[in-house]
PDB file of N, CA and C in Angstrom:
ATOM      1  N   MET A   1       9.232  -4.626  39.556  1.00  0.00           N
ATOM      2  CA  MET A   1       9.299  -4.039  38.247  1.00  0.00           C
ATOM      3  C   MET A   1      10.730  -3.922  37.749  1.00  0.00           C
ATOM      4  N   GLY A   2      11.667  -4.339  38.509  1.00  0.00           N
ATOM      5  CA  GLY A   2      13.047  -4.263  38.110  1.00  0.00           C
ATOM      6  C   GLY A   2      13.421  -5.294  37.065  1.00  0.00           C
ATOM      7  N   LYS A   3      12.641  -6.358  36.962  1.00  0.00           N
ATOM      8  CA  LYS A   3      12.946  -7.402  35.980  1.00  0.00           C
ATOM      9  C   LYS A   3      12.454  -6.998  34.594  1.00  0.00           C
ATOM     10  N   ALA A   4      13.255  -7.325  33.607  1.00  0.00           N
ATOM     11  CA  ALA A   4      12.877  -7.022  32.226  1.00  0.00           C
ATOM     12  C   ALA A   4      11.764  -7.960  31.789  1.00  0.00           C
ATOM     13  N   GLN A   5      10.763  -7.410  31.109  1.00  0.00           N
ATOM     14  CA  GLN A   5       9.661  -8.218  30.601  1.00  0.00           C
ATOM     15  C   GLN A   5      10.079  -8.828  29.270  1.00  0.00           C
ATOM     16  N   ARG A   6       9.996 -10.155  29.194  1.00  0.00           N
ATOM     17  CA  ARG A   6      10.329 -10.846  27.942  1.00  0.00           C
ATOM     18  C   ARG A   6       9.058 -11.258  27.247  1.00  0.00           C
ATOM     19  N   LYS A   7       9.063 -11.117  25.932  1.00  0.00           N
ATOM     20  CA  LYS A   7       7.921 -11.591  25.149  1.00  0.00           C
ATOM     21  C   LYS A   7       8.026 -13.099  25.041  1.00  0.00           C
ATOM     22  N   PRO A   8       6.925 -13.799  25.248  1.00  0.00           N
ATOM     23  CA  PRO A   8       6.983 -15.248  25.045  1.00  0.00           C
ATOM     24  C   PRO A   8       7.172 -15.547  23.561  1.00  0.00           C
ATOM     25  N   ALA A   9       7.831 -16.642  23.269  1.00  0.00           N
ATOM     26  CA  ALA A   9       8.063 -17.039  21.879  1.00  0.00           C
ATOM     27  C   ALA A   9       6.718 -17.263  21.200  1.00  0.00           C
ATOM     28  N   LYS A  10       6.650 -16.933  19.927  1.00  0.00           N
ATOM     29  CA  LYS A  10       5.413 -17.124  19.178  1.00  0.00           C
ATOM     30  C   LYS A  10       5.148 -18.612  18.998  1.00  0.00           C
ATOM     31  N   SER A  11       3.870 -18.938  19.080  1.00  0.00           N
ATOM     32  CA  SER A  11       3.493 -20.332  18.857  1.00  0.00           C
ATOM     33  C   SER A  11       3.597 -20.642  17.365  1.00  0.00           C
ATOM     34  N   ARG A  12       3.580 -21.891  17.038  1.00  0.00           N
ATOM     35  CA  ARG A  12       3.672 -22.315  15.633  1.00  0.00           C
ATOM     36  C   ARG A  12       2.505 -21.744  14.825  1.00  0.00           C
ATOM     37  N   GLY A  13       1.321 -21.723  15.436  1.00  0.00           N
ATOM     38  CA  GLY A  13       0.142 -21.175  14.752  1.00  0.00           C
ATOM     39  C   GLY A  13       0.314 -19.697  14.442  1.00  0.00           C
ATOM     40  N   GLU A  14       0.870 -18.950  15.393  1.00  0.00           N
ATOM     41  CA  GLU A  14       1.107 -17.522  15.173  1.00  0.00           C
ATOM     42  C   GLU A  14       2.153 -17.310  14.085  1.00  0.00           C
ATOM     43  N   GLN A  15       3.159 -18.149  14.051  1.00  0.00           N
ATOM     44  CA  GLN A  15       4.189 -18.046  13.019  1.00  0.00           C
ATOM     45  C   GLN A  15       3.586 -18.300  11.640  1.00  0.00           C
ATOM     46  N   ILE A  16       2.704 -19.296  11.554  1.00  0.00           N
ATOM     47  CA  ILE A  16       2.048 -19.617  10.283  1.00  0.00           C
ATOM     48  C   ILE A  16       1.162 -18.456   9.847  1.00  0.00           C
ATOM     49  N   GLN A  17       0.398 -17.897  10.795  1.00  0.00           N
ATOM     50  CA  GLN A  17      -0.455 -16.754  10.471  1.00  0.00           C
ATOM     51  C   GLN A  17       0.370 -15.563   9.985  1.00  0.00           C
ATOM     52  N   ASP A  18       1.481 -15.304  10.638  1.00  0.00           N
ATOM     53  CA  ASP A  18       2.362 -14.209  10.225  1.00  0.00           C
ATOM     54  C   ASP A  18       2.891 -14.442   8.807  1.00  0.00           C
ATOM     55  N   ALA A  19       3.271 -15.681   8.511  1.00  0.00           N
ATOM     56  CA  ALA A  19       3.782 -16.006   7.178  1.00  0.00           C
ATOM     57  C   ALA A  19       2.687 -15.847   6.129  1.00  0.00           C
ATOM     58  N   GLU A  20       1.471 -16.289   6.435  1.00  0.00           N
ATOM     59  CA  GLU A  20       0.357 -16.149   5.498  1.00  0.00           C
ATOM     60  C   GLU A  20       0.008 -14.680   5.286  1.00  0.00           C
ATOM     61  N   ARG A  21       0.040 -13.898   6.343  1.00  0.00           N
ATOM     62  CA  ARG A  21      -0.253 -12.469   6.245  1.00  0.00           C
ATOM     63  C   ARG A  21       0.789 -11.772   5.363  1.00  0.00           C
ATOM     64  N   GLU A  22       2.047 -12.118   5.547  1.00  0.00           N
ATOM     65  CA  GLU A  22       3.117 -11.522   4.741  1.00  0.00           C
ATOM     66  C   GLU A  22       2.984 -11.947   3.278  1.00  0.00           C
ATOM     67  N   ALA A  23       2.629 -13.199   3.028  1.00  0.00           N
ATOM     68  CA  ALA A  23       2.445 -13.664   1.653  1.00  0.00           C
ATOM     69  C   ALA A  23       1.283 -12.925   0.989  1.00  0.00           C
ATOM     70  N   ALA A  24       0.202 -12.716   1.724  1.00  0.00           N
ATOM     71  CA  ALA A  24      -0.941 -11.980   1.181  1.00  0.00           C
ATOM     72  C   ALA A  24      -0.546 -10.538   0.897  1.00  0.00           C
ATOM     73  N   ARG A  25       0.233  -9.955   1.770  1.00  0.00           N
ATOM     74  CA  ARG A  25       0.712  -8.576   1.581  1.00  0.00           C
ATOM     75  C   ARG A  25       1.549  -8.477   0.304  1.00  0.00           C
ATOM     76  N   GLN A  26       2.427  -9.437   0.114  1.00  0.00           N
ATOM     77  CA  GLN A  26       3.274  -9.435  -1.080  1.00  0.00           C
ATOM     78  C   GLN A  26       2.441  -9.605  -2.351  1.00  0.00           C
ATOM     79  N   ARG A  27       1.402 -10.464  -2.296  1.00  0.00           N
ATOM     80  CA  ARG A  27       0.525 -10.645  -3.453  1.00  0.00           C
ATOM     81  C   ARG A  27      -0.206  -9.345  -3.788  1.00  0.00           C
ATOM     82  N   LEU A  28      -0.693  -8.649  -2.754  1.00  0.00           N
ATOM     83  CA  LEU A  28      -1.386  -7.380  -2.977  1.00  0.00           C
ATOM     84  C   LEU A  28      -0.452  -6.335  -3.582  1.00  0.00           C
ATOM     85  N   LEU A  29       0.767  -6.266  -3.078  1.00  0.00           N
ATOM     86  CA  LEU A  29       1.733  -5.312  -3.616  1.00  0.00           C
ATOM     87  C   LEU A  29       2.070  -5.636  -5.078  1.00  0.00           C
ATOM     88  N   ALA A  30       2.224  -6.912  -5.387  1.00  0.00           N
ATOM     89  CA  ALA A  30       2.527  -7.324  -6.757  1.00  0.00           C
ATOM     90  C   ALA A  30       1.356  -6.996  -7.683  1.00  0.00           C
ATOM     91  N   GLN A  31       0.134  -7.220  -7.222  1.00  0.00           N
ATOM     92  CA  GLN A  31      -1.049  -6.914  -8.029  1.00  0.00           C
ATOM     93  C   GLN A  31      -1.167  -5.410  -8.250  1.00  0.00           C
ATOM     94  N   ALA A  32      -0.918  -4.628  -7.209  1.00  0.00           N
ATOM     95  CA  ALA A  32      -0.982  -3.173  -7.339  1.00  0.00           C
ATOM     96  C   ALA A  32       0.065  -2.678  -8.335  1.00  0.00           C
ATOM     97  N   GLU A  33       1.233  -3.247  -8.297  1.00  0.00           N
ATOM     98  CA  GLU A  33       2.288  -2.856  -9.241  1.00  0.00           C
ATOM     99  C   GLU A  33       1.898  -3.235 -10.661  1.00  0.00           C
ATOM    100  N   ALA A  34       1.282  -4.404 -10.831  1.00  0.00           N
ATOM    101  CA  ALA A  34       0.857  -4.842 -12.163  1.00  0.00           C
ATOM    102  C   ALA A  34      -0.248  -3.940 -12.708  1.00  0.00           C
ATOM    103  N   ASP A  35      -1.118  -3.429 -11.835  1.00  0.00           N
ATOM    104  CA  ASP A  35      -2.231  -2.586 -12.248  1.00  0.00           C
ATOM    105  C   ASP A  35      -1.847  -1.117 -12.406  1.00  0.00           C
ATOM    106  N   ARG A  36      -0.667  -0.763 -11.948  1.00  0.00           N
ATOM    107  CA  ARG A  36      -0.235   0.634 -11.968  1.00  0.00           C
ATOM    108  C   ARG A  36      -0.068   1.116 -13.407  1.00  0.00           C
ATOM    109  N   ILE A  37      -0.532   2.335 -13.649  1.00  0.00           N
ATOM    110  CA  ILE A  37      -0.389   2.933 -14.978  1.00  0.00           C
ATOM    111  C   ILE A  37       0.820   3.860 -14.931  1.00  0.00           C
ATOM    112  N   PRO A  38       1.799   3.641 -15.801  1.00  0.00           N
ATOM    113  CA  PRO A  38       2.978   4.508 -15.807  1.00  0.00           C
ATOM    114  C   PRO A  38       2.603   5.962 -16.101  1.00  0.00           C
ATOM    115  N   VAL A  39       3.330   6.876 -15.519  1.00  0.00           N
ATOM    116  CA  VAL A  39       3.057   8.299 -15.685  1.00  0.00           C
ATOM    117  C   VAL A  39       3.075   8.694 -17.151  1.00  0.00           C
ATOM    118  N   ASP A  40       3.956   8.110 -17.931  1.00  0.00           N
ATOM    119  CA  ASP A  40       4.059   8.451 -19.346  1.00  0.00           C
ATOM    120  C   ASP A  40       2.772   8.169 -20.112  1.00  0.00           C
ATOM    121  N   GLU A  41       1.968   7.232 -19.602  1.00  0.00           N
ATOM    122  CA  GLU A  41       0.751   6.840 -20.313  1.00  0.00           C
ATOM    123  C   GLU A  41      -0.489   7.578 -19.832  1.00  0.00           C
ATOM    124  N   THR A  42      -0.331   8.492 -18.918  1.00  0.00           N
ATOM    125  CA  THR A  42      -1.483   9.238 -18.423  1.00  0.00           C
ATOM    126  C   THR A  42      -1.520  10.604 -19.086  1.00  0.00           C
ATOM    127  N   THR A  43      -2.676  11.187 -19.096  1.00  0.00           N
ATOM    128  CA  THR A  43      -2.795  12.524 -19.656  1.00  0.00           C
ATOM    129  C   THR A  43      -2.921  13.521 -18.520  1.00  0.00           C
ATOM    130  N   ARG A  44      -2.422  14.699 -18.765  1.00  0.00           N
ATOM    131  CA  ARG A  44      -2.484  15.736 -17.749  1.00  0.00           C
ATOM    132  C   ARG A  44      -3.862  16.371 -17.777  1.00  0.00           C
ATOM    133  N   ALA A  45      -4.378  16.674 -16.613  1.00  0.00           N
ATOM    134  CA  ALA A  45      -5.687  17.317 -16.534  1.00  0.00           C
ATOM    135  C   ALA A  45      -5.583  18.724 -17.108  1.00  0.00           C
ATOM    136  N   VAL A  46      -6.573  19.082 -17.914  1.00  0.00           N
ATOM    137  CA  VAL A  46      -6.600  20.404 -18.512  1.00  0.00           C
ATOM    138  C   VAL A  46      -7.650  21.219 -17.774  1.00  0.00           C
ATOM    139  N   PRO A  47      -7.288  22.414 -17.320  1.00  0.00           N
ATOM    140  CA  PRO A  47      -8.274  23.222 -16.589  1.00  0.00           C
ATOM    141  C   PRO A  47      -9.451  23.601 -17.483  1.00  0.00           C
ATOM    142  N   ASP A  48     -10.583  23.737 -16.867  1.00  0.00           N
ATOM    143  CA  ASP A  48     -11.789  24.133 -17.570  1.00  0.00           C
ATOM    144  C   ASP A  48     -11.624  25.583 -18.017  1.00  0.00           C
ATOM    145  N   ARG A  49     -11.668  25.817 -19.322  1.00  0.00           N
ATOM    146  CA  ARG A  49     -11.482  27.180 -19.840  1.00  0.00           C
ATOM    147  C   ARG A  49     -12.860  27.809 -20.043  1.00  0.00           C
ATOM    148  N   ARG A  50     -13.198  28.653 -19.138  1.00  0.00           N
ATOM    149  CA  ARG A  50     -14.489  29.335 -19.227  1.00  0.00           C
ATOM    150  C   ARG A  50     -14.296  30.704 -19.858  1.00  0.00           C
ATOM    151  N   ARG A  51     -15.366  31.176 -20.435  1.00  0.00           N
ATOM    152  CA  ARG A  51     -15.319  32.478 -21.096  1.00  0.00           C
ATOM    153  C   ARG A  51     -15.021  33.568 -20.074  1.00  0.00           C
ATOM    154  N   ARG A  52     -14.093  34.398 -20.375  1.00  0.00           N
ATOM    155  CA  ARG A  52     -13.733  35.486 -19.487  1.00  0.00           C
ATOM    156  C   ARG A  52     -14.468  36.747 -19.923  1.00  0.00           C
ATOM    157  N   ASP A  53     -14.846  37.520 -18.941  1.00  0.00           N
ATOM    158  CA  ASP A  53     -15.487  38.805 -19.258  1.00  0.00           C
ATOM    159  C   ASP A  53     -14.450  39.745 -19.836  1.00  0.00           C
ATOM    160  N   ARG A  54     -14.805  40.348 -20.928  1.00  0.00           N
ATOM    161  CA  ARG A  54     -13.886  41.329 -21.537  1.00  0.00           C
ATOM    162  C   ARG A  54     -14.523  42.700 -21.377  1.00  0.00           C
ATOM    163  N   GLY A  55     -13.919  43.485 -20.588  1.00  0.00           N
ATOM    164  CA  GLY A  55     -14.583  44.741 -20.370  1.00  0.00           C
ATOM    165  C   GLY A  55     -13.706  45.844 -20.264  1.00  0.00           C
TER     166      GLY A  55
END
């Protein structure tokens, strides 16, 4: 156990999969940003104003 464990180099297929996964991640992030509604364009929730007992 004294020897350091080295990770084997990634195969070409694994490198391609990693690149495709990262590209898909970037596409999802770009789509989410495009779909995001800016805070200025949203309305603030108004609490439900129920009749209060006056007594």
